[in-house]
Amino acid sequence: MQESFLVFITNISLYPTVIFTGLVMFVTLYWIVSLLGMADMDTVDIGDATGDGGDLTSSGFVSGLLLKFGLYGVPLIIILSLISLIGWLLSYLYTSFLHQNFDSGLWYYVFGTGAFVLVLVVSMWLTGLIISPIRKNIARIPKRNASSNIGKIAVVRTLSVTHKHGEAELNDGGAGLILKIRSDIDDNLLKQGDKVMLVEYLTDANTYRVAVVEDKEAL
């Protein structure tokens, strides 16, 4: 048992598996941080290429690459999680069965780099296939009139709210809505559990500008 564990640790530490091991650790940490309300999740939107009118703040090459593999329309962390897990599994299999045949010399890194590129491409392709039905189902859901939420009271779920970051939960009578919010006031003023009023919907960013609400005003 101990020997098998040592073999496992060795394999996940070898190149190129170690790269995906690091990615898996990163997304795992991000999920933990997000669940604790310390980060929010954004959706990758290619914009005019998808007809959704969104914006992807990256180079044209990256936008084209994401579009080619269908990596858009769902939260970025979900895409990264799938790529990391699939890539880790495939590279682990390569390390276990093939990579051990090479020494730590030049061919070790040549074949390792080739395997990394191949695994990354396959992982992106498989991720695109997995999220495709999810993206289509999201697109079929009728979008609520965002302006109808203006004036409603929501509860901050992230540790803080700034002009670049923040989430709040709005009680809609059902499971609740998680909304991205932004605030122009002091970054340290709003914190998790505070009540805020949705005062403006920012269409381009798909977020709400909020104002602080005292408990007595929310009653």
C-alpha atoms as a PDB file:
ATOM      1  CA  MET A   1       0.000   0.000   0.000  1.00  0.00           C
ATOM      2  CA  GLN A   2       2.751   2.400   0.958  1.00  0.00           C
ATOM      3  CA  GLU A   3       4.735   1.472  -2.146  1.00  0.00           C
ATOM      4  CA  SER A   4       1.721   2.170  -4.380  1.00  0.00           C
ATOM      5  CA  PHE A   5       1.263   5.558  -2.736  1.00  0.00           C
ATOM      6  CA  LEU A   6       4.911   6.432  -3.333  1.00  0.00           C
ATOM      7  CA  VAL A   7       4.579   5.412  -6.992  1.00  0.00           C
ATOM      8  CA  PHE A   8       1.494   7.627  -7.273  1.00  0.00           C
ATOM      9  CA  ILE A   9       3.290  10.620  -5.724  1.00  0.00           C
ATOM     10  CA  THR A  10       6.250  10.055  -8.025  1.00  0.00           C
ATOM     11  CA  ASN A  11       4.084   9.895 -11.145  1.00  0.00           C
ATOM     12  CA  ILE A  12       2.141  13.089 -10.384  1.00  0.00           C
ATOM     13  CA  SER A  13       5.438  14.872  -9.778  1.00  0.00           C
ATOM     14  CA  LEU A  14       6.972  13.917 -13.130  1.00  0.00           C
ATOM     15  CA  TYR A  15       6.928  16.127 -16.202  1.00  0.00           C
ATOM     16  CA  PRO A  16       4.454  16.818 -17.785  1.00  0.00           C
ATOM     17  CA  THR A  17       1.937  15.510 -15.227  1.00  0.00           C
ATOM     18  CA  VAL A  18       3.268  17.913 -12.611  1.00  0.00           C
ATOM     19  CA  ILE A  19       1.895  20.843 -14.664  1.00  0.00           C
ATOM     20  CA  PHE A  20      -1.636  19.457 -14.532  1.00  0.00           C
ATOM     21  CA  THR A  21      -1.151  18.513 -10.891  1.00  0.00           C
ATOM     22  CA  GLY A  22      -0.459  22.186 -10.208  1.00  0.00           C
ATOM     23  CA  LEU A  23      -3.553  23.216 -12.194  1.00  0.00           C
ATOM     24  CA  VAL A  24      -5.743  20.777 -10.261  1.00  0.00           C
ATOM     25  CA  MET A  25      -4.412  22.165  -6.989  1.00  0.00           C
ATOM     26  CA  PHE A  26      -5.099  25.712  -8.201  1.00  0.00           C
ATOM     27  CA  VAL A  27      -8.716  25.092  -9.237  1.00  0.00           C
ATOM     28  CA  THR A  28      -9.347  23.116  -6.038  1.00  0.00           C
ATOM     29  CA  LEU A  29      -8.111  26.064  -3.994  1.00  0.00           C
ATOM     30  CA  TYR A  30     -10.223  28.433  -6.085  1.00  0.00           C
ATOM     31  CA  TRP A  31     -13.364  26.342  -5.501  1.00  0.00           C
ATOM     32  CA  ILE A  32     -12.700  26.381  -1.758  1.00  0.00           C
ATOM     33  CA  VAL A  33     -12.150  30.145  -1.808  1.00  0.00           C
ATOM     34  CA  SER A  34     -15.294  30.640  -3.904  1.00  0.00           C
ATOM     35  CA  LEU A  35     -17.431  28.509  -1.590  1.00  0.00           C
ATOM     36  CA  LEU A  36     -16.189  30.605   1.317  1.00  0.00           C
ATOM     37  CA  GLY A  37     -17.389  33.698  -0.535  1.00  0.00           C
ATOM     38  CA  MET A  38     -13.933  35.101  -1.206  1.00  0.00           C
ATOM     39  CA  ALA A  39     -14.208  35.064  -5.005  1.00  0.00           C
ATOM     40  CA  ASP A  40     -16.863  35.161  -7.687  1.00  0.00           C
ATOM     41  CA  MET A  41     -17.182  33.166 -10.902  1.00  0.00           C
ATOM     42  CA  ASP A  42     -17.316  34.858 -14.289  1.00  0.00           C
ATOM     43  CA  THR A  43     -18.601  33.462 -17.557  1.00  0.00           C
ATOM     44  CA  VAL A  44     -16.349  33.322 -20.591  1.00  0.00           C
ATOM     45  CA  ASP A  45     -18.141  35.173 -23.382  1.00  0.00           C
ATOM     46  CA  ILE A  46     -16.551  35.397 -26.817  1.00  0.00           C
ATOM     47  CA  GLY A  47     -18.832  38.242 -27.835  1.00  0.00           C
ATOM     48  CA  ASP A  48     -19.664  38.915 -31.457  1.00  0.00           C
ATOM     49  CA  ALA A  49     -18.273  35.534 -32.492  1.00  0.00           C
ATOM     50  CA  THR A  50     -21.024  33.828 -30.544  1.00  0.00           C
ATOM     51  CA  GLY A  51     -23.716  36.385 -31.172  1.00  0.00           C
ATOM     52  CA  ASP A  52     -24.120  37.106 -27.473  1.00  0.00           C
ATOM     53  CA  GLY A  53     -22.598  40.556 -27.553  1.00  0.00           C
ATOM     54  CA  GLY A  54     -20.218  39.830 -24.699  1.00  0.00           C
ATOM     55  CA  ASP A  55     -16.581  40.698 -24.276  1.00  0.00           C
ATOM     56  CA  LEU A  56     -13.484  38.609 -23.747  1.00  0.00           C
ATOM     57  CA  THR A  57     -10.585  40.718 -22.556  1.00  0.00           C
ATOM     58  CA  SER A  58      -7.804  38.730 -24.197  1.00  0.00           C
ATOM     59  CA  SER A  59      -5.930  38.514 -27.479  1.00  0.00           C
ATOM     60  CA  GLY A  60      -7.617  37.563 -30.736  1.00  0.00           C
ATOM     61  CA  PHE A  61      -5.629  34.325 -30.830  1.00  0.00           C
ATOM     62  CA  VAL A  62      -6.911  33.225 -27.435  1.00  0.00           C
ATOM     63  CA  SER A  63     -10.475  34.231 -28.361  1.00  0.00           C
ATOM     64  CA  GLY A  64     -10.259  32.211 -31.560  1.00  0.00           C
ATOM     65  CA  LEU A  65      -8.809  29.238 -29.711  1.00  0.00           C
ATOM     66  CA  LEU A  66     -11.573  29.259 -27.106  1.00  0.00           C
ATOM     67  CA  LEU A  67     -14.189  29.631 -29.817  1.00  0.00           C
ATOM     68  CA  LYS A  68     -12.703  26.778 -31.858  1.00  0.00           C
ATOM     69  CA  PHE A  69     -12.941  24.367 -28.925  1.00  0.00           C
ATOM     70  CA  GLY A  70     -16.315  25.711 -27.739  1.00  0.00           C
ATOM     71  CA  LEU A  71     -14.884  26.948 -24.446  1.00  0.00           C
ATOM     72  CA  TYR A  72     -17.349  29.745 -23.678  1.00  0.00           C
ATOM     73  CA  GLY A  73     -20.803  30.344 -22.238  1.00  0.00           C
ATOM     74  CA  VAL A  74     -20.110  28.821 -18.812  1.00  0.00           C
ATOM     75  CA  PRO A  75     -18.077  30.033 -15.821  1.00  0.00           C
ATOM     76  CA  LEU A  76     -14.349  30.069 -16.565  1.00  0.00           C
ATOM     77  CA  ILE A  77     -13.529  28.082 -13.424  1.00  0.00           C
ATOM     78  CA  ILE A  78     -15.664  25.183 -14.690  1.00  0.00           C
ATOM     79  CA  ILE A  79     -13.738  25.175 -17.971  1.00  0.00           C
ATOM     80  CA  LEU A  80     -10.395  25.259 -16.163  1.00  0.00           C
ATOM     81  CA  SER A  81     -11.516  22.525 -13.777  1.00  0.00           C
ATOM     82  CA  LEU A  82     -12.486  20.169 -16.596  1.00  0.00           C
ATOM     83  CA  ILE A  83      -9.329  20.841 -18.599  1.00  0.00           C
ATOM     84  CA  SER A  84      -7.198  20.319 -15.496  1.00  0.00           C
ATOM     85  CA  LEU A  85      -8.874  17.060 -14.436  1.00  0.00           C
ATOM     86  CA  ILE A  86      -8.945  15.539 -17.922  1.00  0.00           C
ATOM     87  CA  GLY A  87      -5.394  16.669 -18.604  1.00  0.00           C
ATOM     88  CA  TRP A  88      -4.197  15.315 -15.281  1.00  0.00           C
ATOM     89  CA  LEU A  89      -5.755  11.906 -15.925  1.00  0.00           C
ATOM     90  CA  LEU A  90      -4.375  11.603 -19.465  1.00  0.00           C
ATOM     91  CA  SER A  91      -0.895  12.823 -18.543  1.00  0.00           C
ATOM     92  CA  TYR A  92      -0.863  10.504 -15.513  1.00  0.00           C
ATOM     93  CA  LEU A  93      -1.581   7.550 -17.791  1.00  0.00           C
ATOM     94  CA  TYR A  94       1.207   8.671 -20.111  1.00  0.00           C
ATOM     95  CA  THR A  95       3.628   9.058 -17.216  1.00  0.00           C
ATOM     96  CA  SER A  96       2.702   5.671 -15.768  1.00  0.00           C
ATOM     97  CA  PHE A  97       2.923   3.591 -18.934  1.00  0.00           C
ATOM     98  CA  LEU A  98       5.168   5.400 -21.405  1.00  0.00           C
ATOM     99  CA  HIS A  99       7.199   8.182 -19.864  1.00  0.00           C
ATOM    100  CA  GLN A 100       8.979   5.810 -17.495  1.00  0.00           C
ATOM    101  CA  ASN A 101      10.751   4.317 -20.512  1.00  0.00           C
ATOM    102  CA  PHE A 102      12.797   7.486 -20.947  1.00  0.00           C
ATOM    103  CA  ASP A 103      15.629   8.732 -18.790  1.00  0.00           C
ATOM    104  CA  SER A 104      15.787  12.275 -17.493  1.00  0.00           C
ATOM    105  CA  GLY A 105      17.816  13.389 -20.527  1.00  0.00           C
ATOM    106  CA  LEU A 106      16.859  15.278 -23.670  1.00  0.00           C
ATOM    107  CA  TRP A 107      14.313  12.728 -24.919  1.00  0.00           C
ATOM    108  CA  TYR A 108      12.593  12.831 -21.556  1.00  0.00           C
ATOM    109  CA  TYR A 109      11.694  16.487 -22.093  1.00  0.00           C
ATOM    110  CA  VAL A 110      11.137  16.222 -25.839  1.00  0.00           C
ATOM    111  CA  PHE A 111       8.556  13.458 -25.505  1.00  0.00           C
ATOM    112  CA  GLY A 112       7.192  15.035 -22.354  1.00  0.00           C
ATOM    113  CA  THR A 113       6.600  18.360 -24.100  1.00  0.00           C
ATOM    114  CA  GLY A 114       4.987  16.637 -27.058  1.00  0.00           C
ATOM    115  CA  ALA A 115       2.718  14.697 -24.697  1.00  0.00           C
ATOM    116  CA  PHE A 116       1.823  17.899 -22.824  1.00  0.00           C
ATOM    117  CA  VAL A 117       0.720  19.670 -26.007  1.00  0.00           C
ATOM    118  CA  LEU A 118      -1.267  16.645 -27.201  1.00  0.00           C
ATOM    119  CA  VAL A 119      -2.916  16.141 -23.807  1.00  0.00           C
ATOM    120  CA  LEU A 120      -3.784  19.846 -23.568  1.00  0.00           C
ATOM    121  CA  VAL A 121      -5.430  19.845 -27.000  1.00  0.00           C
ATOM    122  CA  VAL A 122      -7.389  16.655 -26.268  1.00  0.00           C
ATOM    123  CA  SER A 123      -8.443  18.016 -22.876  1.00  0.00           C
ATOM    124  CA  MET A 124      -9.725  21.244 -24.421  1.00  0.00           C
ATOM    125  CA  TRP A 125     -11.585  19.290 -27.100  1.00  0.00           C
ATOM    126  CA  LEU A 126     -13.225  16.965 -24.570  1.00  0.00           C
ATOM    127  CA  THR A 127     -14.090  19.898 -22.309  1.00  0.00           C
ATOM    128  CA  GLY A 128     -15.794  21.624 -25.239  1.00  0.00           C
ATOM    129  CA  LEU A 129     -17.863  18.481 -25.875  1.00  0.00           C
ATOM    130  CA  ILE A 130     -18.848  18.234 -22.196  1.00  0.00           C
ATOM    131  CA  ILE A 131     -19.945  21.841 -21.775  1.00  0.00           C
ATOM    132  CA  SER A 132     -21.689  22.057 -25.161  1.00  0.00           C
ATOM    133  CA  PRO A 133     -25.082  20.752 -23.929  1.00  0.00           C
ATOM    134  CA  ILE A 134     -24.768  22.874 -20.784  1.00  0.00           C
ATOM    135  CA  ARG A 135     -24.132  25.996 -22.855  1.00  0.00           C
ATOM    136  CA  LYS A 136     -27.065  25.210 -25.160  1.00  0.00           C
ATOM    137  CA  ASN A 137     -29.423  24.664 -22.229  1.00  0.00           C
ATOM    138  CA  ILE A 138     -28.330  27.949 -20.660  1.00  0.00           C
ATOM    139  CA  ALA A 139     -28.976  29.712 -23.966  1.00  0.00           C
ATOM    140  CA  ARG A 140     -32.526  28.295 -24.091  1.00  0.00           C
ATOM    141  CA  ILE A 141     -33.415  29.656 -20.639  1.00  0.00           C
ATOM    142  CA  PRO A 142     -35.414  32.867 -21.071  1.00  0.00           C
ATOM    143  CA  LYS A 143     -33.385  35.735 -19.687  1.00  0.00           C
ATOM    144  CA  ARG A 144     -35.091  37.700 -16.956  1.00  0.00           C
ATOM    145  CA  ASN A 145     -35.552  41.385 -17.406  1.00  0.00           C
ATOM    146  CA  ALA A 146     -32.572  42.596 -15.418  1.00  0.00           C
ATOM    147  CA  SER A 147     -34.130  45.993 -14.852  1.00  0.00           C
ATOM    148  CA  SER A 148     -36.966  44.335 -12.914  1.00  0.00           C
ATOM    149  CA  ASN A 149     -34.495  43.642 -10.108  1.00  0.00           C
ATOM    150  CA  ILE A 150     -33.656  47.311  -9.671  1.00  0.00           C
ATOM    151  CA  GLY A 151     -34.670  48.492  -6.208  1.00  0.00           C
ATOM    152  CA  LYS A 152     -34.640  44.993  -4.711  1.00  0.00           C
ATOM    153  CA  ILE A 153     -32.600  44.021  -1.663  1.00  0.00           C
ATOM    154  CA  ALA A 154     -29.858  41.398  -1.912  1.00  0.00           C
ATOM    155  CA  VAL A 155     -27.367  39.960   0.573  1.00  0.00           C
ATOM    156  CA  VAL A 156     -23.617  40.117  -0.051  1.00  0.00           C
ATOM    157  CA  ARG A 157     -22.063  36.632  -0.254  1.00  0.00           C
ATOM    158  CA  THR A 158     -18.423  37.543  -0.958  1.00  0.00           C
ATOM    159  CA  LEU A 159     -16.079  38.768   1.767  1.00  0.00           C
ATOM    160  CA  SER A 160     -15.960  42.205   0.175  1.00  0.00           C
ATOM    161  CA  VAL A 161     -17.403  44.226  -2.693  1.00  0.00           C
ATOM    162  CA  THR A 162     -15.311  46.499  -4.900  1.00  0.00           C
ATOM    163  CA  HIS A 163     -15.653  48.157  -8.301  1.00  0.00           C
ATOM    164  CA  LYS A 164     -14.198  44.968  -9.848  1.00  0.00           C
ATOM    165  CA  HIS A 165     -15.431  42.145  -7.650  1.00  0.00           C
ATOM    166  CA  GLY A 166     -18.457  41.015  -5.655  1.00  0.00           C
ATOM    167  CA  GLU A 167     -21.480  38.744  -5.538  1.00  0.00           C
ATOM    168  CA  ALA A 168     -24.826  38.925  -3.809  1.00  0.00           C
ATOM    169  CA  GLU A 169     -27.756  36.562  -3.386  1.00  0.00           C
ATOM    170  CA  LEU A 170     -31.233  37.759  -4.283  1.00  0.00           C
ATOM    171  CA  ASN A 171     -34.249  35.964  -2.890  1.00  0.00           C
ATOM    172  CA  ASP A 172     -36.528  35.429  -5.893  1.00  0.00           C
ATOM    173  CA  GLY A 173     -38.962  33.124  -4.145  1.00  0.00           C
ATOM    174  CA  GLY A 174     -37.199  30.049  -5.480  1.00  0.00           C
ATOM    175  CA  ALA A 175     -33.662  28.772  -5.200  1.00  0.00           C
ATOM    176  CA  GLY A 176     -32.341  32.326  -5.185  1.00  0.00           C
ATOM    177  CA  LEU A 177     -30.260  34.234  -7.702  1.00  0.00           C
ATOM    178  CA  ILE A 178     -26.507  34.776  -7.479  1.00  0.00           C
ATOM    179  CA  LEU A 179     -25.766  38.184  -9.005  1.00  0.00           C
ATOM    180  CA  LYS A 180     -22.492  39.905  -9.765  1.00  0.00           C
ATOM    181  CA  ILE A 181     -22.385  43.269  -8.052  1.00  0.00           C
ATOM    182  CA  ARG A 182     -20.059  46.255  -8.022  1.00  0.00           C
ATOM    183  CA  SER A 183     -19.704  49.177  -5.647  1.00  0.00           C
ATOM    184  CA  ASP A 184     -18.076  52.571  -6.021  1.00  0.00           C
ATOM    185  CA  ILE A 185     -17.917  53.157  -2.288  1.00  0.00           C
ATOM    186  CA  ASP A 186     -15.095  52.333   0.124  1.00  0.00           C
ATOM    187  CA  ASP A 187     -13.895  48.770  -0.545  1.00  0.00           C
ATOM    188  CA  ASN A 188     -13.926  47.998   3.159  1.00  0.00           C
ATOM    189  CA  LEU A 189     -17.483  49.180   3.777  1.00  0.00           C
ATOM    190  CA  LEU A 190     -19.453  46.260   2.338  1.00  0.00           C
ATOM    191  CA  LYS A 191     -18.826  42.788   3.696  1.00  0.00           C
ATOM    192  CA  GLN A 192     -20.366  39.330   3.662  1.00  0.00           C
ATOM    193  CA  GLY A 193     -23.906  39.293   5.049  1.00  0.00           C
ATOM    194  CA  ASP A 194     -24.598  42.998   4.452  1.00  0.00           C
ATOM    195  CA  LYS A 195     -27.798  44.037   2.703  1.00  0.00           C
ATOM    196  CA  VAL A 196     -27.490  46.051  -0.485  1.00  0.00           C
ATOM    197  CA  MET A 197     -29.957  47.630  -2.884  1.00  0.00           C
ATOM    198  CA  LEU A 198     -29.623  46.997  -6.606  1.00  0.00           C
ATOM    199  CA  VAL A 199     -29.635  50.530  -8.001  1.00  0.00           C
ATOM    200  CA  GLU A 200     -28.402  50.094 -11.592  1.00  0.00           C
ATOM    201  CA  TYR A 201     -27.857  47.295 -14.083  1.00  0.00           C
ATOM    202  CA  LEU A 202     -24.613  47.544 -16.049  1.00  0.00           C
ATOM    203  CA  THR A 203     -25.470  45.805 -19.307  1.00  0.00           C
ATOM    204  CA  ASP A 204     -21.982  45.522 -20.782  1.00  0.00           C
ATOM    205  CA  ALA A 205     -20.568  43.916 -17.638  1.00  0.00           C
ATOM    206  CA  ASN A 206     -23.738  41.969 -16.724  1.00  0.00           C
ATOM    207  CA  THR A 207     -23.463  43.284 -13.174  1.00  0.00           C
ATOM    208  CA  TYR A 208     -25.429  45.479 -10.779  1.00  0.00           C
ATOM    209  CA  ARG A 209     -24.233  48.621  -9.089  1.00  0.00           C
ATOM    210  CA  VAL A 210     -25.352  48.535  -5.482  1.00  0.00           C
ATOM    211  CA  ALA A 211     -25.833  50.847  -2.550  1.00  0.00           C
ATOM    212  CA  VAL A 212     -25.523  49.987   1.118  1.00  0.00           C
ATOM    213  CA  VAL A 213     -28.778  49.410   2.989  1.00  0.00           C
ATOM    214  CA  GLU A 214     -29.283  49.716   6.700  1.00  0.00           C
ATOM    215  CA  ASP A 215     -31.223  46.858   8.308  1.00  0.00           C
ATOM    216  CA  LYS A 216     -34.081  49.132   9.281  1.00  0.00           C
ATOM    217  CA  GLU A 217     -34.460  50.227   5.635  1.00  0.00           C
ATOM    218  CA  ALA A 218     -34.655  46.618   4.469  1.00  0.00           C
ATOM    219  CA  LEU A 219     -37.560  45.756   6.736  1.00  0.00           C
END
